[in-house]
Amino acid sequence: MKLLFFVESGNVSEVEDLLSEDPYSRHSITFRSAESLEMDKDGSFLLYEGTDVVCQDLREEIEDISEEYEGEGKKKILEKIEGAEEDAMEGFGGIFS
């Protein structure tokens, strides 16, 4: 399951601390600043991929300090994150050309 949250900058360290603990740390965690995704927001997007049970627990743990993205909004942000990762990989590949 993939979850996408927006976390305001003042809450990022609290979410990072939670994600450093089991069982959350055992899954895929990606943070991207809103600015790096060309969004006019003060904070970061969290893309979390894990089992359904752990994702549901995480959703409940951070619901008061984050905003979950779903539907079309989620799709657009995921495309931006994937595009940024592809650009980074292409740039890294250029180093060895």
PDB file of N, CA and C in Angstrom:
ATOM      1  N   MET A   1       0.842  -1.169   0.000  1.00  0.00           N
ATOM      2  CA  MET A   1       0.000   0.000   0.000  1.00  0.00           C
ATOM      3  C   MET A   1       0.892   1.238   0.000  1.00  0.00           C
ATOM      4  N   LYS A   2       0.498   2.242  -0.769  1.00  0.00           N
ATOM      5  CA  LYS A   2       1.215   3.515  -0.812  1.00  0.00           C
ATOM      6  C   LYS A   2       0.364   4.600  -0.164  1.00  0.00           C
ATOM      7  N   LEU A   3       0.982   5.328   0.749  1.00  0.00           N
ATOM      8  CA  LEU A   3       0.336   6.471   1.374  1.00  0.00           C
ATOM      9  C   LEU A   3       1.154   7.715   1.060  1.00  0.00           C
ATOM     10  N   LEU A   4       0.470   8.839   0.909  1.00  0.00           N
ATOM     11  CA  LEU A   4       1.137  10.112   0.670  1.00  0.00           C
ATOM     12  C   LEU A   4       0.579  11.142   1.637  1.00  0.00           C
ATOM     13  N   PHE A   5       1.491  11.782   2.369  1.00  0.00           N
ATOM     14  CA  PHE A   5       1.108  12.801   3.342  1.00  0.00           C
ATOM     15  C   PHE A   5       1.890  14.081   3.088  1.00  0.00           C
ATOM     16  N   PHE A   6       1.277  15.219   3.417  1.00  0.00           N
ATOM     17  CA  PHE A   6       2.002  16.476   3.495  1.00  0.00           C
ATOM     18  C   PHE A   6       2.194  16.767   4.969  1.00  0.00           C
ATOM     19  N   VAL A   7       3.445  17.042   5.349  1.00  0.00           N
ATOM     20  CA  VAL A   7       3.789  17.322   6.741  1.00  0.00           C
ATOM     21  C   VAL A   7       4.383  18.727   6.793  1.00  0.00           C
ATOM     22  N   GLU A   8       3.756  19.603   7.562  1.00  0.00           N
ATOM     23  CA  GLU A   8       4.288  20.956   7.701  1.00  0.00           C
ATOM     24  C   GLU A   8       5.669  20.897   8.330  1.00  0.00           C
ATOM     25  N   SER A   9       6.500  21.880   7.996  1.00  0.00           N
ATOM     26  CA  SER A   9       7.900  21.850   8.423  1.00  0.00           C
ATOM     27  C   SER A   9       8.059  21.721   9.937  1.00  0.00           C
ATOM     28  N   GLY A  10       7.165  22.284  10.706  1.00  0.00           N
ATOM     29  CA  GLY A  10       7.253  22.202  12.159  1.00  0.00           C
ATOM     30  C   GLY A  10       6.997  20.809  12.719  1.00  0.00           C
ATOM     31  N   ASN A  11       6.416  19.928  11.910  1.00  0.00           N
ATOM     32  CA  ASN A  11       6.088  18.576  12.368  1.00  0.00           C
ATOM     33  C   ASN A  11       6.970  17.497  11.747  1.00  0.00           C
ATOM     34  N   VAL A  12       7.860  17.880  10.847  1.00  0.00           N
ATOM     35  CA  VAL A  12       8.671  16.892  10.131  1.00  0.00           C
ATOM     36  C   VAL A  12       9.529  16.073  11.089  1.00  0.00           C
ATOM     37  N   SER A  13      10.195  16.708  12.042  1.00  0.00           N
ATOM     38  CA  SER A  13      11.075  15.956  12.948  1.00  0.00           C
ATOM     39  C   SER A  13      10.281  14.964  13.797  1.00  0.00           C
ATOM     40  N   GLU A  14       9.081  15.318  14.188  1.00  0.00           N
ATOM     41  CA  GLU A  14       8.237  14.401  14.968  1.00  0.00           C
ATOM     42  C   GLU A  14       7.875  13.165  14.137  1.00  0.00           C
ATOM     43  N   VAL A  15       7.530  13.382  12.861  1.00  0.00           N
ATOM     44  CA  VAL A  15       7.200  12.268  11.971  1.00  0.00           C
ATOM     45  C   VAL A  15       8.448  11.422  11.706  1.00  0.00           C
ATOM     46  N   GLU A  16       9.586  12.064  11.487  1.00  0.00           N
ATOM     47  CA  GLU A  16      10.837  11.327  11.270  1.00  0.00           C
ATOM     48  C   GLU A  16      11.181  10.453  12.472  1.00  0.00           C
ATOM     49  N   ASP A  17      10.988  10.977  13.674  1.00  0.00           N
ATOM     50  CA  ASP A  17      11.251  10.192  14.883  1.00  0.00           C
ATOM     51  C   ASP A  17      10.354   8.960  14.941  1.00  0.00           C
ATOM     52  N   LEU A  18       9.087   9.135  14.626  1.00  0.00           N
ATOM     53  CA  LEU A  18       8.157   8.013  14.621  1.00  0.00           C
ATOM     54  C   LEU A  18       8.564   6.973  13.578  1.00  0.00           C
ATOM     55  N   LEU A  19       8.962   7.441  12.390  1.00  0.00           N
ATOM     56  CA  LEU A  19       9.327   6.531  11.308  1.00  0.00           C
ATOM     57  C   LEU A  19      10.631   5.782  11.573  1.00  0.00           C
ATOM     58  N   SER A  20      11.425   6.258  12.514  1.00  0.00           N
ATOM     59  CA  SER A  20      12.687   5.581  12.830  1.00  0.00           C
ATOM     60  C   SER A  20      12.463   4.353  13.713  1.00  0.00           C
ATOM     61  N   GLU A  21      11.245   4.180  14.204  1.00  0.00           N
ATOM     62  CA  GLU A  21      10.915   3.068  15.090  1.00  0.00           C
ATOM     63  C   GLU A  21      10.291   1.910  14.316  1.00  0.00           C
ATOM     64  N   ASP A  22      10.395   0.704  14.906  1.00  0.00           N
ATOM     65  CA  ASP A  22       9.685  -0.455  14.356  1.00  0.00           C
ATOM     66  C   ASP A  22       8.202  -0.279  14.594  1.00  0.00           C
ATOM     67  N   PRO A  23       7.357  -0.720  13.745  1.00  0.00           N
ATOM     68  CA  PRO A  23       7.608  -1.409  12.480  1.00  0.00           C
ATOM     69  C   PRO A  23       7.758  -0.459  11.292  1.00  0.00           C
ATOM     70  N   TYR A  24       7.616   0.835  11.515  1.00  0.00           N
ATOM     71  CA  TYR A  24       7.606   1.794  10.403  1.00  0.00           C
ATOM     72  C   TYR A  24       8.924   1.828   9.648  1.00  0.00           C
ATOM     73  N   SER A  25      10.031   1.703  10.355  1.00  0.00           N
ATOM     74  CA  SER A  25      11.349   1.833   9.722  1.00  0.00           C
ATOM     75  C   SER A  25      11.660   0.691   8.759  1.00  0.00           C
ATOM     76  N   ARG A  26      10.899  -0.363   8.803  1.00  0.00           N
ATOM     77  CA  ARG A  26      11.154  -1.529   7.959  1.00  0.00           C
ATOM     78  C   ARG A  26      10.550  -1.407   6.565  1.00  0.00           C
ATOM     79  N   HIS A  27       9.898  -0.308   6.290  1.00  0.00           N
ATOM     80  CA  HIS A  27       9.232  -0.124   5.007  1.00  0.00           C
ATOM     81  C   HIS A  27       9.879   1.027   4.228  1.00  0.00           C
ATOM     82  N   SER A  28       9.362   1.279   3.049  1.00  0.00           N
ATOM     83  CA  SER A  28       9.924   2.309   2.169  1.00  0.00           C
ATOM     84  C   SER A  28       9.436   3.696   2.598  1.00  0.00           C
ATOM     85  N   ILE A  29      10.389   4.590   2.843  1.00  0.00           N
ATOM     86  CA  ILE A  29      10.101   5.946   3.315  1.00  0.00           C
ATOM     87  C   ILE A  29      10.800   6.933   2.395  1.00  0.00           C
ATOM     88  N   THR A  30      10.037   7.847   1.810  1.00  0.00           N
ATOM     89  CA  THR A  30      10.605   8.878   0.942  1.00  0.00           C
ATOM     90  C   THR A  30      10.063  10.235   1.377  1.00  0.00           C
ATOM     91  N   PHE A  31      10.956  11.147   1.716  1.00  0.00           N
ATOM     92  CA  PHE A  31      10.591  12.527   2.018  1.00  0.00           C
ATOM     93  C   PHE A  31      11.065  13.409   0.865  1.00  0.00           C
ATOM     94  N   ARG A  32      10.223  14.328   0.436  1.00  0.00           N
ATOM     95  CA  ARG A  32      10.594  15.335  -0.558  1.00  0.00           C
ATOM     96  C   ARG A  32      10.035  16.672  -0.097  1.00  0.00           C
ATOM     97  N   SER A  33      10.886  17.683  -0.097  1.00  0.00           N
ATOM     98  CA  SER A  33      10.397  19.007   0.288  1.00  0.00           C
ATOM     99  C   SER A  33       9.403  19.490  -0.755  1.00  0.00           C
ATOM    100  N   ALA A  34       8.414  20.214  -0.311  1.00  0.00           N
ATOM    101  CA  ALA A  34       7.414  20.756  -1.235  1.00  0.00           C
ATOM    102  C   ALA A  34       8.086  21.679  -2.243  1.00  0.00           C
ATOM    103  N   GLU A  35       9.074  22.421  -1.785  1.00  0.00           N
ATOM    104  CA  GLU A  35       9.799  23.342  -2.657  1.00  0.00           C
ATOM    105  C   GLU A  35      10.493  22.591  -3.799  1.00  0.00           C
ATOM    106  N   SER A  36      11.075  21.428  -3.499  1.00  0.00           N
ATOM    107  CA  SER A  36      11.767  20.656  -4.532  1.00  0.00           C
ATOM    108  C   SER A  36      10.803  20.102  -5.580  1.00  0.00           C
ATOM    109  N   LEU A  37       9.522  20.030  -5.209  1.00  0.00           N
ATOM    110  CA  LEU A  37       8.487  19.575  -6.143  1.00  0.00           C
ATOM    111  C   LEU A  37       7.740  20.747  -6.767  1.00  0.00           C
ATOM    112  N   GLU A  38       8.329  21.940  -6.598  1.00  0.00           N
ATOM    113  CA  GLU A  38       7.792  23.179  -7.162  1.00  0.00           C
ATOM    114  C   GLU A  38       6.384  23.486  -6.658  1.00  0.00           C
ATOM    115  N   MET A  39       6.203  23.281  -5.353  1.00  0.00           N
ATOM    116  CA  MET A  39       4.926  23.571  -4.719  1.00  0.00           C
ATOM    117  C   MET A  39       5.143  24.675  -3.695  1.00  0.00           C
ATOM    118  N   ASP A  40       4.195  25.558  -3.619  1.00  0.00           N
ATOM    119  CA  ASP A  40       4.288  26.701  -2.718  1.00  0.00           C
ATOM    120  C   ASP A  40       3.711  26.336  -1.351  1.00  0.00           C
ATOM    121  N   LYS A  41       4.424  25.447  -0.660  1.00  0.00           N
ATOM    122  CA  LYS A  41       4.025  25.010   0.679  1.00  0.00           C
ATOM    123  C   LYS A  41       5.274  24.947   1.536  1.00  0.00           C
ATOM    124  N   ASP A  42       5.094  25.096   2.838  1.00  0.00           N
ATOM    125  CA  ASP A  42       6.210  25.033   3.776  1.00  0.00           C
ATOM    126  C   ASP A  42       6.172  23.691   4.494  1.00  0.00           C
ATOM    127  N   GLY A  43       6.880  22.723   3.942  1.00  0.00           N
ATOM    128  CA  GLY A  43       6.904  21.404   4.538  1.00  0.00           C
ATOM    129  C   GLY A  43       7.401  20.367   3.554  1.00  0.00           C
ATOM    130  N   SER A  44       7.094  19.123   3.850  1.00  0.00           N
ATOM    131  CA  SER A  44       7.574  18.015   3.027  1.00  0.00           C
ATOM    132  C   SER A  44       6.462  17.016   2.760  1.00  0.00           C
ATOM    133  N   PHE A  45       6.626  16.313   1.662  1.00  0.00           N
ATOM    134  CA  PHE A  45       5.724  15.213   1.342  1.00  0.00           C
ATOM    135  C   PHE A  45       6.388  13.921   1.786  1.00  0.00           C
ATOM    136  N   LEU A  46       5.597  13.058   2.381  1.00  0.00           N
ATOM    137  CA  LEU A  46       6.049  11.750   2.816  1.00  0.00           C
ATOM    138  C   LEU A  46       5.342  10.703   1.970  1.00  0.00           C
ATOM    139  N   LEU A  47       6.120   9.923   1.249  1.00  0.00           N
ATOM    140  CA  LEU A  47       5.603   8.775   0.525  1.00  0.00           C
ATOM    141  C   LEU A  47       6.007   7.549   1.324  1.00  0.00           C
ATOM    142  N   TYR A  48       5.019   6.799   1.769  1.00  0.00           N
ATOM    143  CA  TYR A  48       5.273   5.631   2.604  1.00  0.00           C
ATOM    144  C   TYR A  48       4.651   4.413   1.941  1.00  0.00           C
ATOM    145  N   GLU A  49       5.466   3.367   1.762  1.00  0.00           N
ATOM    146  CA  GLU A  49       4.985   2.131   1.171  1.00  0.00           C
ATOM    147  C   GLU A  49       5.227   0.995   2.148  1.00  0.00           C
ATOM    148  N   GLY A  50       4.150   0.285   2.487  1.00  0.00           N
ATOM    149  CA  GLY A  50       4.274  -0.807   3.434  1.00  0.00           C
ATOM    150  C   GLY A  50       3.051  -1.706   3.405  1.00  0.00           C
ATOM    151  N   THR A  51       3.007  -2.590   4.371  1.00  0.00           N
ATOM    152  CA  THR A  51       1.870  -3.500   4.457  1.00  0.00           C
ATOM    153  C   THR A  51       0.614  -2.725   4.856  1.00  0.00           C
ATOM    154  N   ASP A  52      -0.529  -3.288   4.548  1.00  0.00           N
ATOM    155  CA  ASP A  52      -1.793  -2.618   4.858  1.00  0.00           C
ATOM    156  C   ASP A  52      -1.937  -2.319   6.349  1.00  0.00           C
ATOM    157  N   VAL A  53      -1.557  -3.265   7.182  1.00  0.00           N
ATOM    158  CA  VAL A  53      -1.703  -3.094   8.631  1.00  0.00           C
ATOM    159  C   VAL A  53      -0.814  -1.962   9.140  1.00  0.00           C
ATOM    160  N   VAL A  54       0.448  -1.958   8.730  1.00  0.00           N
ATOM    161  CA  VAL A  54       1.372  -0.925   9.186  1.00  0.00           C
ATOM    162  C   VAL A  54       0.961   0.439   8.628  1.00  0.00           C
ATOM    163  N   CYS A  55       0.531   0.483   7.380  1.00  0.00           N
ATOM    164  CA  CYS A  55       0.084   1.748   6.788  1.00  0.00           C
ATOM    165  C   CYS A  55      -1.118   2.311   7.544  1.00  0.00           C
ATOM    166  N   GLN A  56      -2.042   1.458   7.910  1.00  0.00           N
ATOM    167  CA  GLN A  56      -3.204   1.924   8.667  1.00  0.00           C
ATOM    168  C   GLN A  56      -2.788   2.456  10.033  1.00  0.00           C
ATOM    169  N   ASP A  57      -1.854   1.775  10.681  1.00  0.00           N
ATOM    170  CA  ASP A  57      -1.347   2.256  11.977  1.00  0.00           C
ATOM    171  C   ASP A  57      -0.676   3.616  11.827  1.00  0.00           C
ATOM    172  N   LEU A  58       0.147   3.768  10.782  1.00  0.00           N
ATOM    173  CA  LEU A  58       0.826   5.043  10.547  1.00  0.00           C
ATOM    174  C   LEU A  58      -0.190   6.151  10.298  1.00  0.00           C
ATOM    175  N   ARG A  59      -1.169   5.853   9.492  1.00  0.00           N
ATOM    176  CA  ARG A  59      -2.226   6.830   9.185  1.00  0.00           C
ATOM    177  C   ARG A  59      -2.848   7.353  10.484  1.00  0.00           C
ATOM    178  N   GLU A  60      -3.135   6.458  11.403  1.00  0.00           N
ATOM    179  CA  GLU A  60      -3.741   6.851  12.678  1.00  0.00           C
ATOM    180  C   GLU A  60      -2.759   7.629  13.547  1.00  0.00           C
ATOM    181  N   GLU A  61      -1.486   7.255  13.513  1.00  0.00           N
ATOM    182  CA  GLU A  61      -0.468   7.913  14.343  1.00  0.00           C
ATOM    183  C   GLU A  61      -0.243   9.371  13.937  1.00  0.00           C
ATOM    184  N   ILE A  62      -0.290   9.663  12.638  1.00  0.00           N
ATOM    185  CA  ILE A  62       0.082  11.016  12.194  1.00  0.00           C
ATOM    186  C   ILE A  62      -1.090  11.827  11.639  1.00  0.00           C
ATOM    187  N   GLU A  63      -2.308  11.348  11.803  1.00  0.00           N
ATOM    188  CA  GLU A  63      -3.451  12.051  11.233  1.00  0.00           C
ATOM    189  C   GLU A  63      -3.620  13.472  11.779  1.00  0.00           C
ATOM    190  N   ASP A  64      -3.189  13.713  13.007  1.00  0.00           N
ATOM    191  CA  ASP A  64      -3.337  15.044  13.604  1.00  0.00           C
ATOM    192  C   ASP A  64      -2.228  16.012  13.202  1.00  0.00           C
ATOM    193  N   ILE A  65      -1.131  15.498  12.641  1.00  0.00           N
ATOM    194  CA  ILE A  65       0.002  16.372  12.319  1.00  0.00           C
ATOM    195  C   ILE A  65       0.378  16.312  10.837  1.00  0.00           C
ATOM    196  N   SER A  66      -0.519  15.772  10.024  1.00  0.00           N
ATOM    197  CA  SER A  66      -0.245  15.692   8.588  1.00  0.00           C
ATOM    198  C   SER A  66      -1.558  15.764   7.819  1.00  0.00           C
ATOM    199  N   GLU A  67      -1.421  15.896   6.519  1.00  0.00           N
ATOM    200  CA  GLU A  67      -2.574  15.906   5.627  1.00  0.00           C
ATOM    201  C   GLU A  67      -2.369  14.791   4.605  1.00  0.00           C
ATOM    202  N   GLU A  68      -3.284  13.839   4.576  1.00  0.00           N
ATOM    203  CA  GLU A  68      -3.149  12.740   3.625  1.00  0.00           C
ATOM    204  C   GLU A  68      -3.694  13.161   2.264  1.00  0.00           C
ATOM    205  N   TYR A  69      -2.943  12.798   1.233  1.00  0.00           N
ATOM    206  CA  TYR A  69      -3.363  13.058  -0.143  1.00  0.00           C
ATOM    207  C   TYR A  69      -3.916  11.774  -0.733  1.00  0.00           C
ATOM    208  N   GLU A  70      -5.041  11.898  -1.431  1.00  0.00           N
ATOM    209  CA  GLU A  70      -5.650  10.752  -2.091  1.00  0.00           C
ATOM    210  C   GLU A  70      -6.177  11.193  -3.446  1.00  0.00           C
ATOM    211  N   GLY A  71      -6.571  10.252  -4.258  1.00  0.00           N
ATOM    212  CA  GLY A  71      -7.192  10.553  -5.534  1.00  0.00           C
ATOM    213  C   GLY A  71      -6.267  11.261  -6.507  1.00  0.00           C
ATOM    214  N   GLU A  72      -6.818  12.236  -7.207  1.00  0.00           N
ATOM    215  CA  GLU A  72      -6.084  12.955  -8.244  1.00  0.00           C
ATOM    216  C   GLU A  72      -4.918  13.753  -7.680  1.00  0.00           C
ATOM    217  N   GLY A  73      -5.097  14.349  -6.500  1.00  0.00           N
ATOM    218  CA  GLY A  73      -4.004  15.085  -5.863  1.00  0.00           C
ATOM    219  C   GLY A  73      -2.813  14.184  -5.572  1.00  0.00           C
ATOM    220  N   LYS A  74      -3.086  12.985  -5.092  1.00  0.00           N
ATOM    221  CA  LYS A  74      -2.030  12.003  -4.812  1.00  0.00           C
ATOM    222  C   LYS A  74      -1.317  11.632  -6.099  1.00  0.00           C
ATOM    223  N   LYS A  75      -2.079  11.399  -7.145  1.00  0.00           N
ATOM    224  CA  LYS A  75      -1.503  10.994  -8.430  1.00  0.00           C
ATOM    225  C   LYS A  75      -0.537  12.057  -8.959  1.00  0.00           C
ATOM    226  N   LYS A  76      -0.919  13.320  -8.868  1.00  0.00           N
ATOM    227  CA  LYS A  76      -0.074  14.406  -9.378  1.00  0.00           C
ATOM    228  C   LYS A  76       1.230  14.520  -8.593  1.00  0.00           C
ATOM    229  N   ILE A  77       1.145  14.408  -7.269  1.00  0.00           N
ATOM    230  CA  ILE A  77       2.353  14.508  -6.447  1.00  0.00           C
ATOM    231  C   ILE A  77       3.257  13.305  -6.693  1.00  0.00           C
ATOM    232  N   LEU A  78       2.683  12.110  -6.803  1.00  0.00           N
ATOM    233  CA  LEU A  78       3.491  10.913  -7.078  1.00  0.00           C
ATOM    234  C   LEU A  78       4.223  11.052  -8.409  1.00  0.00           C
ATOM    235  N   GLU A  79       3.569  11.618  -9.411  1.00  0.00           N
ATOM    236  CA  GLU A  79       4.227  11.840 -10.703  1.00  0.00           C
ATOM    237  C   GLU A  79       5.408  12.787 -10.551  1.00  0.00           C
ATOM    238  N   LYS A  80       5.245  13.826  -9.740  1.00  0.00           N
ATOM    239  CA  LYS A  80       6.346  14.771  -9.512  1.00  0.00           C
ATOM    240  C   LYS A  80       7.507  14.098  -8.783  1.00  0.00           C
ATOM    241  N   ILE A  81       7.197  13.287  -7.785  1.00  0.00           N
ATOM    242  CA  ILE A  81       8.248  12.592  -7.043  1.00  0.00           C
ATOM    243  C   ILE A  81       8.990  11.632  -7.959  1.00  0.00           C
ATOM    244  N   GLU A  82       8.257  10.859  -8.746  1.00  0.00           N
ATOM    245  CA  GLU A  82       8.889   9.909  -9.661  1.00  0.00           C
ATOM    246  C   GLU A  82       9.716  10.633 -10.717  1.00  0.00           C
ATOM    247  N   GLY A  83       9.217  11.760 -11.212  1.00  0.00           N
ATOM    248  CA  GLY A  83       9.971  12.547 -12.188  1.00  0.00           C
ATOM    249  C   GLY A  83      11.265  13.075 -11.599  1.00  0.00           C
ATOM    250  N   ALA A  84      11.228  13.536 -10.349  1.00  0.00           N
ATOM    251  CA  ALA A  84      12.430  14.042  -9.688  1.00  0.00           C
ATOM    252  C   ALA A  84      13.444  12.921  -9.484  1.00  0.00           C
ATOM    253  N   GLU A  85      12.962  11.724  -9.151  1.00  0.00           N
ATOM    254  CA  GLU A  85      13.865  10.587  -8.976  1.00  0.00           C
ATOM    255  C   GLU A  85      14.509  10.188 -10.304  1.00  0.00           C
ATOM    256  N   GLU A  86      13.726  10.209 -11.381  1.00  0.00           N
ATOM    257  CA  GLU A  86      14.270   9.885 -12.705  1.00  0.00           C
ATOM    258  C   GLU A  86      15.314  10.911 -13.130  1.00  0.00           C
ATOM    259  N   ASP A  87      15.030  12.190 -12.889  1.00  0.00           N
ATOM    260  CA  ASP A  87      15.993  13.246 -13.229  1.00  0.00           C
ATOM    261  C   ASP A  87      17.296  13.053 -12.457  1.00  0.00           C
ATOM    262  N   ALA A  88      17.170  12.686 -11.184  1.00  0.00           N
ATOM    263  CA  ALA A  88      18.362  12.472 -10.363  1.00  0.00           C
ATOM    264  C   ALA A  88      19.174  11.287 -10.886  1.00  0.00           C
ATOM    265  N   MET A  89      18.509  10.228 -11.281  1.00  0.00           N
ATOM    266  CA  MET A  89      19.206   9.051 -11.803  1.00  0.00           C
ATOM    267  C   MET A  89      19.902   9.370 -13.129  1.00  0.00           C
ATOM    268  N   GLU A  90      19.244  10.158 -13.978  1.00  0.00           N
ATOM    269  CA  GLU A  90      19.863  10.549 -15.234  1.00  0.00           C
ATOM    270  C   GLU A  90      21.098  11.410 -14.983  1.00  0.00           C
ATOM    271  N   GLY A  91      21.007  12.315 -14.046  1.00  0.00           N
ATOM    272  CA  GLY A  91      22.147  13.156 -13.702  1.00  0.00           C
ATOM    273  C   GLY A  91      23.291  12.351 -13.120  1.00  0.00           C
ATOM    274  N   PHE A  92      22.960  11.389 -12.284  1.00  0.00           N
ATOM    275  CA  PHE A  92      23.977  10.530 -11.698  1.00  0.00           C
ATOM    276  C   PHE A  92      24.640   9.674 -12.773  1.00  0.00           C
ATOM    277  N   GLY A  93      23.850   9.195 -13.732  1.00  0.00           N
ATOM    278  CA  GLY A  93      24.398   8.388 -14.827  1.00  0.00           C
ATOM    279  C   GLY A  93      25.352   9.197 -15.696  1.00  0.00           C
ATOM    280  N   GLY A  94      25.119  10.500 -15.821  1.00  0.00           N
ATOM    281  CA  GLY A  94      25.983  11.362 -16.612  1.00  0.00           C
ATOM    282  C   GLY A  94      27.378  11.486 -16.039  1.00  0.00           C
ATOM    283  N   ILE A  95      27.513  11.255 -14.760  1.00  0.00           N
ATOM    284  CA  ILE A  95      28.819  11.336 -14.112  1.00  0.00           C
ATOM    285  C   ILE A  95      29.752  10.269 -14.667  1.00  0.00           C
ATOM    286  N   PHE A  96      29.204   9.119 -15.011  1.00  0.00           N
ATOM    287  CA  PHE A  96      30.004   7.982 -15.455  1.00  0.00           C
ATOM    288  C   PHE A  96      30.090   7.859 -16.972  1.00  0.00           C
ATOM    289  N   SER A  97      29.525   8.798 -17.695  1.00  0.00           N
ATOM    290  CA  SER A  97      29.557   8.744 -19.156  1.00  0.00           C
ATOM    291  C   SER A  97      30.883   9.198 -19.714  1.00  0.00           C
TER     292      SER A  97
END
